[in-house]
Amino acid sequence: RTALDRADVVLDIYRRVANVRHPDAWLPVSVI
């Protein structure tokens, strides 16, 4: 829940720390 609520922060970390760029609509969860 926290990761989804702060998905914008997660996206920024991937871009800033690792230069990994996900689409803006991407959410940090893998659903079965």
All heavy atoms as atom14 arrays in JSON, in Angstrom:
{
  "sequence": "RTALDRADVVLDIYRRVANVRHPDAWLPVSVI",
  "atom14_mask": [
    [1, 1, 1, 1, 1, 1, 1, 1, 1, 1, 1, 0, 0, 0],
    [1, 1, 1, 1, 1, 1, 1, 0, 0, 0, 0, 0, 0, 0],
    [1, 1, 1, 1, 1, 0, 0, 0, 0, 0, 0, 0, 0, 0],
    [1, 1, 1, 1, 1, 1, 1, 1, 0, 0, 0, 0, 0, 0],
    [1, 1, 1, 1, 1, 1, 1, 1, 0, 0, 0, 0, 0, 0],
    [1, 1, 1, 1, 1, 1, 1, 1, 1, 1, 1, 0, 0, 0],
    [1, 1, 1, 1, 1, 0, 0, 0, 0, 0, 0, 0, 0, 0],
    [1, 1, 1, 1, 1, 1, 1, 1, 0, 0, 0, 0, 0, 0],
    [1, 1, 1, 1, 1, 1, 1, 0, 0, 0, 0, 0, 0, 0],
    [1, 1, 1, 1, 1, 1, 1, 0, 0, 0, 0, 0, 0, 0],
    [1, 1, 1, 1, 1, 1, 1, 1, 0, 0, 0, 0, 0, 0],
    [1, 1, 1, 1, 1, 1, 1, 1, 0, 0, 0, 0, 0, 0],
    [1, 1, 1, 1, 1, 1, 1, 1, 0, 0, 0, 0, 0, 0],
    [1, 1, 1, 1, 1, 1, 1, 1, 1, 1, 1, 1, 0, 0],
    [1, 1, 1, 1, 1, 1, 1, 1, 1, 1, 1, 0, 0, 0],
    [1, 1, 1, 1, 1, 1, 1, 1, 1, 1, 1, 0, 0, 0],
    [1, 1, 1, 1, 1, 1, 1, 0, 0, 0, 0, 0, 0, 0],
    [1, 1, 1, 1, 1, 0, 0, 0, 0, 0, 0, 0, 0, 0],
    [1, 1, 1, 1, 1, 1, 1, 1, 0, 0, 0, 0, 0, 0],
    [1, 1, 1, 1, 1, 1, 1, 0, 0, 0, 0, 0, 0, 0],
    [1, 1, 1, 1, 1, 1, 1, 1, 1, 1, 1, 0, 0, 0],
    [1, 1, 1, 1, 1, 1, 1, 1, 1, 1, 0, 0, 0, 0],
    [1, 1, 1, 1, 1, 1, 1, 0, 0, 0, 0, 0, 0, 0],
    [1, 1, 1, 1, 1, 1, 1, 1, 0, 0, 0, 0, 0, 0],
    [1, 1, 1, 1, 1, 0, 0, 0, 0, 0, 0, 0, 0, 0],
    [1, 1, 1, 1, 1, 1, 1, 1, 1, 1, 1, 1, 1, 1],
    [1, 1, 1, 1, 1, 1, 1, 1, 0, 0, 0, 0, 0, 0],
    [1, 1, 1, 1, 1, 1, 1, 0, 0, 0, 0, 0, 0, 0],
    [1, 1, 1, 1, 1, 1, 1, 0, 0, 0, 0, 0, 0, 0],
    [1, 1, 1, 1, 1, 1, 0, 0, 0, 0, 0, 0, 0, 0],
    [1, 1, 1, 1, 1, 1, 1, 0, 0, 0, 0, 0, 0, 0],
    [1, 1, 1, 1, 1, 1, 1, 1, 0, 0, 0, 0, 0, 0]
  ],
  "atom14_positions": [
    [[0.83, -1.21, 0.0], [0.0, 0.0, 0.0], [0.86, 1.26, 0.0], [0.62, 2.21, -0.75], [-0.94, -0.01, 1.21], [-1.87, 1.21, 1.27], [-2.84, 1.11, 2.43], [-3.77, 0.0, 2.23], [-4.86, 0.06, 1.47], [-5.15, 1.19, 0.81], [-5.65, -0.98, 1.36], [0.0, 0.0, 0.0], [0.0, 0.0, 0.0], [0.0, 0.0, 0.0]],
    [[1.9, 1.28, 0.86], [2.78, 2.44, 0.92], [3.49, 2.67, -0.4], [3.62, 3.81, -0.88], [3.82, 2.26, 2.05], [3.13, 2.13, 3.29], [4.77, 3.43, 2.12], [0.0, 0.0, 0.0], [0.0, 0.0, 0.0], [0.0, 0.0, 0.0], [0.0, 0.0, 0.0], [0.0, 0.0, 0.0], [0.0, 0.0, 0.0], [0.0, 0.0, 0.0]],
    [[3.97, 1.59, -1.02], [4.66, 1.71, -2.31], [3.73, 2.29, -3.37], [4.15, 3.12, -4.19], [5.19, 0.35, -2.74], [0.0, 0.0, 0.0], [0.0, 0.0, 0.0], [0.0, 0.0, 0.0], [0.0, 0.0, 0.0], [0.0, 0.0, 0.0], [0.0, 0.0, 0.0], [0.0, 0.0, 0.0], [0.0, 0.0, 0.0], [0.0, 0.0, 0.0]],
    [[2.47, 1.86, -3.38], [1.51, 2.38, -4.36], [1.16, 3.83, -4.06], [1.04, 4.65, -4.98], [0.27, 1.5, -4.37], [0.47, 0.07, -4.94], [-0.76, -0.78, -4.7], [0.79, 0.14, -6.43], [0.0, 0.0, 0.0], [0.0, 0.0, 0.0], [0.0, 0.0, 0.0], [0.0, 0.0, 0.0], [0.0, 0.0, 0.0], [0.0, 0.0, 0.0]],
    [[0.98, 4.16, -2.79], [0.66, 5.55, -2.42], [1.8, 6.49, -2.8], [1.57, 7.67, -3.09], [0.39, 5.66, -0.92], [-0.96, 5.06, -0.52], [-1.81, 4.86, -1.41], [-1.15, 4.78, 0.69], [0.0, 0.0, 0.0], [0.0, 0.0, 0.0], [0.0, 0.0, 0.0], [0.0, 0.0, 0.0], [0.0, 0.0, 0.0], [0.0, 0.0, 0.0]],
    [[3.04, 5.97, -2.77], [4.21, 6.81, -3.05], [4.9, 6.36, -4.34], [6.13, 6.42, -4.47], [5.19, 6.74, -1.88], [4.57, 7.2, -0.57], [5.55, 7.17, 0.58], [4.91, 7.6, 1.82], [5.51, 7.64, 3.0], [6.78, 7.27, 3.1], [4.86, 8.04, 4.07], [0.0, 0.0, 0.0], [0.0, 0.0, 0.0], [0.0, 0.0, 0.0]],
    [[4.1, 5.96, -5.28], [4.65, 5.46, -6.55], [5.5, 6.53, -7.24], [6.49, 6.2, -7.91], [3.53, 5.0, -7.47], [0.0, 0.0, 0.0], [0.0, 0.0, 0.0], [0.0, 0.0, 0.0], [0.0, 0.0, 0.0], [0.0, 0.0, 0.0], [0.0, 0.0, 0.0], [0.0, 0.0, 0.0], [0.0, 0.0, 0.0], [0.0, 0.0, 0.0]],
    [[5.13, 7.81, -7.09], [5.92, 8.86, -7.73], [7.32, 8.95, -7.12], [8.3, 9.22, -7.84], [5.2, 10.21, -7.6], [4.9, 10.59, -6.15], [4.72, 9.67, -5.31], [4.85, 11.79, -5.84], [0.0, 0.0, 0.0], [0.0, 0.0, 0.0], [0.0, 0.0, 0.0], [0.0, 0.0, 0.0], [0.0, 0.0, 0.0], [0.0, 0.0, 0.0]],
    [[7.43, 8.69, -5.82], [8.74, 8.7, -5.17], [9.58, 7.52, -5.67], [10.77, 7.65, -5.95], [8.58, 8.64, -3.64], [9.96, 8.62, -2.97], [7.76, 9.81, -3.14], [0.0, 0.0, 0.0], [0.0, 0.0, 0.0], [0.0, 0.0, 0.0], [0.0, 0.0, 0.0], [0.0, 0.0, 0.0], [0.0, 0.0, 0.0], [0.0, 0.0, 0.0]],
    [[8.94, 6.34, -5.81], [9.64, 5.16, -6.3], [10.16, 5.4, -7.71], [11.32, 5.1, -8.04], [8.73, 3.92, -6.28], [9.44, 2.72, -6.89], [8.27, 3.61, -4.85], [0.0, 0.0, 0.0], [0.0, 0.0, 0.0], [0.0, 0.0, 0.0], [0.0, 0.0, 0.0], [0.0, 0.0, 0.0], [0.0, 0.0, 0.0], [0.0, 0.0, 0.0]],
    [[9.31, 5.98, -8.58], [9.73, 6.29, -9.95], [10.93, 7.22, -9.95], [11.9, 7.03, -10.72], [8.57, 6.94, -10.71], [7.54, 6.02, -11.34], [6.32, 6.83, -11.79], [8.13, 5.28, -12.53], [0.0, 0.0, 0.0], [0.0, 0.0, 0.0], [0.0, 0.0, 0.0], [0.0, 0.0, 0.0], [0.0, 0.0, 0.0], [0.0, 0.0, 0.0]],
    [[10.89, 8.23, -9.07], [11.98, 9.19, -9.01], [13.27, 8.53, -8.54], [14.36, 8.84, -9.05], [11.61, 10.34, -8.06], [12.71, 11.37, -7.96], [13.05, 11.98, -9.0], [13.24, 11.56, -6.84], [0.0, 0.0, 0.0], [0.0, 0.0, 0.0], [0.0, 0.0, 0.0], [0.0, 0.0, 0.0], [0.0, 0.0, 0.0], [0.0, 0.0, 0.0]],
    [[13.19, 7.6, -7.57], [14.37, 6.89, -7.08], [15.01, 6.07, -8.2], [16.23, 6.1, -8.39], [14.02, 5.99, -5.87], [13.7, 6.86, -4.66], [15.14, 5.01, -5.57], [13.12, 6.09, -3.48], [0.0, 0.0, 0.0], [0.0, 0.0, 0.0], [0.0, 0.0, 0.0], [0.0, 0.0, 0.0], [0.0, 0.0, 0.0], [0.0, 0.0, 0.0]],
    [[14.19, 5.35, -8.94], [14.74, 4.55, -10.05], [15.46, 5.45, -11.06], [16.54, 5.11, -11.55], [13.62, 3.77, -10.74], [13.32, 2.44, -10.12], [12.25, 2.28, -9.24], [14.09, 1.31, -10.4], [11.97, 1.05, -8.66], [13.82, 0.09, -9.84], [12.75, -0.05, -8.97], [12.48, -1.26, -8.39], [0.0, 0.0, 0.0], [0.0, 0.0, 0.0]],
    [[14.85, 6.6, -11.37], [15.47, 7.5, -12.36], [16.73, 8.15, -11.8], [17.76, 8.21, -12.46], [14.47, 8.58, -12.76], [13.28, 8.07, -13.57], [12.2, 9.13, -13.69], [11.01, 8.63, -14.39], [9.82, 9.2, -14.35], [9.64, 10.3, -13.62], [8.8, 8.69, -15.01], [0.0, 0.0, 0.0], [0.0, 0.0, 0.0], [0.0, 0.0, 0.0]],
    [[16.65, 8.61, -10.55], [17.73, 9.39, -9.96], [18.91, 8.52, -9.53], [20.07, 8.89, -9.74], [17.17, 10.15, -8.75], [18.19, 10.88, -7.9], [17.53, 11.86, -6.93], [16.3, 11.35, -6.38], [16.21, 10.63, -5.25], [17.32, 10.32, -4.59], [15.04, 10.22, -4.79], [0.0, 0.0, 0.0], [0.0, 0.0, 0.0], [0.0, 0.0, 0.0]],
    [[18.63, 7.37, -8.95], [19.69, 6.53, -8.38], [20.27, 5.58, -9.42], [21.48, 5.35, -9.47], [19.16, 5.73, -7.16], [20.22, 4.76, -6.64], [18.71, 6.69, -6.06], [0.0, 0.0, 0.0], [0.0, 0.0, 0.0], [0.0, 0.0, 0.0], [0.0, 0.0, 0.0], [0.0, 0.0, 0.0], [0.0, 0.0, 0.0], [0.0, 0.0, 0.0]],
    [[19.41, 5.01, -10.26], [19.86, 3.95, -11.16], [19.71, 4.27, -12.63], [20.04, 3.44, -13.48], [19.09, 2.67, -10.85], [0.0, 0.0, 0.0], [0.0, 0.0, 0.0], [0.0, 0.0, 0.0], [0.0, 0.0, 0.0], [0.0, 0.0, 0.0], [0.0, 0.0, 0.0], [0.0, 0.0, 0.0], [0.0, 0.0, 0.0], [0.0, 0.0, 0.0]],
    [[19.19, 5.45, -12.95], [18.96, 5.83, -14.34], [18.06, 4.82, -15.06], [18.25, 4.52, -16.24], [20.28, 5.99, -15.09], [20.12, 6.8, -16.37], [19.23, 7.65, -16.48], [20.96, 6.52, -17.35], [0.0, 0.0, 0.0], [0.0, 0.0, 0.0], [0.0, 0.0, 0.0], [0.0, 0.0, 0.0], [0.0, 0.0, 0.0], [0.0, 0.0, 0.0]],
    [[17.1, 4.27, -14.32], [16.1, 3.35, -14.89], [14.8, 4.13, -15.03], [14.28, 4.66, -14.05], [15.89, 2.12, -13.98], [14.74, 1.27, -14.51], [17.17, 1.3, -13.91], [0.0, 0.0, 0.0], [0.0, 0.0, 0.0], [0.0, 0.0, 0.0], [0.0, 0.0, 0.0], [0.0, 0.0, 0.0], [0.0, 0.0, 0.0], [0.0, 0.0, 0.0]],
    [[14.27, 4.17, -16.25], [13.09, 5.0, -16.5], [11.88, 4.14, -16.85], [11.86, 3.47, -17.87], [13.38, 6.0, -17.63], [14.52, 6.94, -17.29], [14.76, 8.01, -18.34], [15.82, 8.9, -17.9], [15.65, 9.96, -17.11], [14.42, 10.25, -16.69], [16.67, 10.71, -16.75], [0.0, 0.0, 0.0], [0.0, 0.0, 0.0], [0.0, 0.0, 0.0]],
    [[10.91, 4.15, -15.96], [9.63, 3.48, -16.21], [8.64, 4.51, -16.74], [8.78, 5.71, -16.48], [9.08, 2.86, -14.92], [9.89, 1.7, -14.42], [9.93, 0.49, -15.06], [10.67, 1.56, -13.31], [10.7, -0.35, -14.39], [11.16, 0.28, -13.33], [0.0, 0.0, 0.0], [0.0, 0.0, 0.0], [0.0, 0.0, 0.0], [0.0, 0.0, 0.0]],
    [[7.6, 4.07, -17.46], [6.54, 5.0, -17.87], [5.89, 5.66, -16.66], [5.84, 5.08, -15.57], [5.54, 4.09, -18.61], [6.34, 2.89, -19.01], [7.36, 2.7, -17.95], [0.0, 0.0, 0.0], [0.0, 0.0, 0.0], [0.0, 0.0, 0.0], [0.0, 0.0, 0.0], [0.0, 0.0, 0.0], [0.0, 0.0, 0.0], [0.0, 0.0, 0.0]],
    [[5.39, 6.86, -16.84], [4.79, 7.6, -15.73], [3.62, 6.84, -15.1], [3.34, 7.0, -13.91], [4.32, 8.98, -16.2], [5.5, 9.89, -16.53], [6.62, 9.59, -16.06], [5.31, 10.89, -17.26], [0.0, 0.0, 0.0], [0.0, 0.0, 0.0], [0.0, 0.0, 0.0], [0.0, 0.0, 0.0], [0.0, 0.0, 0.0], [0.0, 0.0, 0.0]],
    [[2.92, 6.04, -15.89], [1.75, 5.31, -15.38], [2.13, 4.02, -14.66], [1.27, 3.36, -14.07], [0.79, 5.0, -16.52], [0.0, 0.0, 0.0], [0.0, 0.0, 0.0], [0.0, 0.0, 0.0], [0.0, 0.0, 0.0], [0.0, 0.0, 0.0], [0.0, 0.0, 0.0], [0.0, 0.0, 0.0], [0.0, 0.0, 0.0], [0.0, 0.0, 0.0]],
    [[3.41, 3.64, -14.7], [3.86, 2.38, -14.09], [3.69, 2.4, -12.59], [3.93, 3.42, -11.93], [5.32, 2.15, -14.45], [5.97, 0.95, -13.81], [5.95, -0.32, -14.24], [6.77, 0.95, -12.6], [6.66, -1.14, -13.41], [7.19, -0.39, -12.37], [7.15, 1.93, -11.68], [7.97, -0.76, -11.28], [7.94, 1.57, -10.59], [8.33, 0.24, -10.41]],
    [[3.26, 1.29, -12.03], [3.12, 1.17, -10.58], [4.04, 0.06, -10.07], [4.2, -0.98, -10.73], [1.67, 0.83, -10.2], [0.64, 1.94, -10.43], [-0.77, 1.43, -10.12], [0.96, 3.17, -9.55], [0.0, 0.0, 0.0], [0.0, 0.0, 0.0], [0.0, 0.0, 0.0], [0.0, 0.0, 0.0], [0.0, 0.0, 0.0], [0.0, 0.0, 0.0]],
    [[4.64, 0.26, -8.88], [5.62, -0.69, -8.35], [4.96, -1.92, -7.7], [5.08, -2.16, -6.5], [6.38, 0.14, -7.31], [5.38, 1.13, -6.83], [4.54, 1.47, -8.02], [0.0, 0.0, 0.0], [0.0, 0.0, 0.0], [0.0, 0.0, 0.0], [0.0, 0.0, 0.0], [0.0, 0.0, 0.0], [0.0, 0.0, 0.0], [0.0, 0.0, 0.0]],
    [[4.26, -2.69, -8.5], [3.64, -3.92, -8.01], [3.46, -4.87, -9.19], [3.19, -4.42, -10.32], [2.3, -3.64, -7.32], [1.25, -3.15, -8.31], [1.79, -4.85, -6.55], [0.0, 0.0, 0.0], [0.0, 0.0, 0.0], [0.0, 0.0, 0.0], [0.0, 0.0, 0.0], [0.0, 0.0, 0.0], [0.0, 0.0, 0.0], [0.0, 0.0, 0.0]],
    [[3.68, -6.16, -8.95], [3.49, -7.17, -9.99], [2.31, -8.05, -9.58], [2.42, -8.82, -8.61], [4.75, -8.02, -10.15], [5.83, -7.21, -10.57], [0.0, 0.0, 0.0], [0.0, 0.0, 0.0], [0.0, 0.0, 0.0], [0.0, 0.0, 0.0], [0.0, 0.0, 0.0], [0.0, 0.0, 0.0], [0.0, 0.0, 0.0], [0.0, 0.0, 0.0]],
    [[1.21, -7.92, -10.31], [-0.02, -8.63, -9.97], [-0.02, -10.01, -10.64], [0.43, -10.16, -11.78], [-1.25, -7.83, -10.42], [-2.54, -8.61, -10.17], [-1.28, -6.48, -9.69], [0.0, 0.0, 0.0], [0.0, 0.0, 0.0], [0.0, 0.0, 0.0], [0.0, 0.0, 0.0], [0.0, 0.0, 0.0], [0.0, 0.0, 0.0], [0.0, 0.0, 0.0]],
    [[-0.51, -11.01, -9.94], [-0.7, -12.33, -10.51], [-1.99, -12.33, -11.33], [-3.06, -12.0, -10.8], [-0.77, -13.41, -9.41], [0.54, -13.42, -8.61], [-1.03, -14.79, -10.01], [0.49, -14.3, -7.38], [0.0, 0.0, 0.0], [0.0, 0.0, 0.0], [0.0, 0.0, 0.0], [0.0, 0.0, 0.0], [0.0, 0.0, 0.0], [0.0, 0.0, 0.0]]
  ]
}
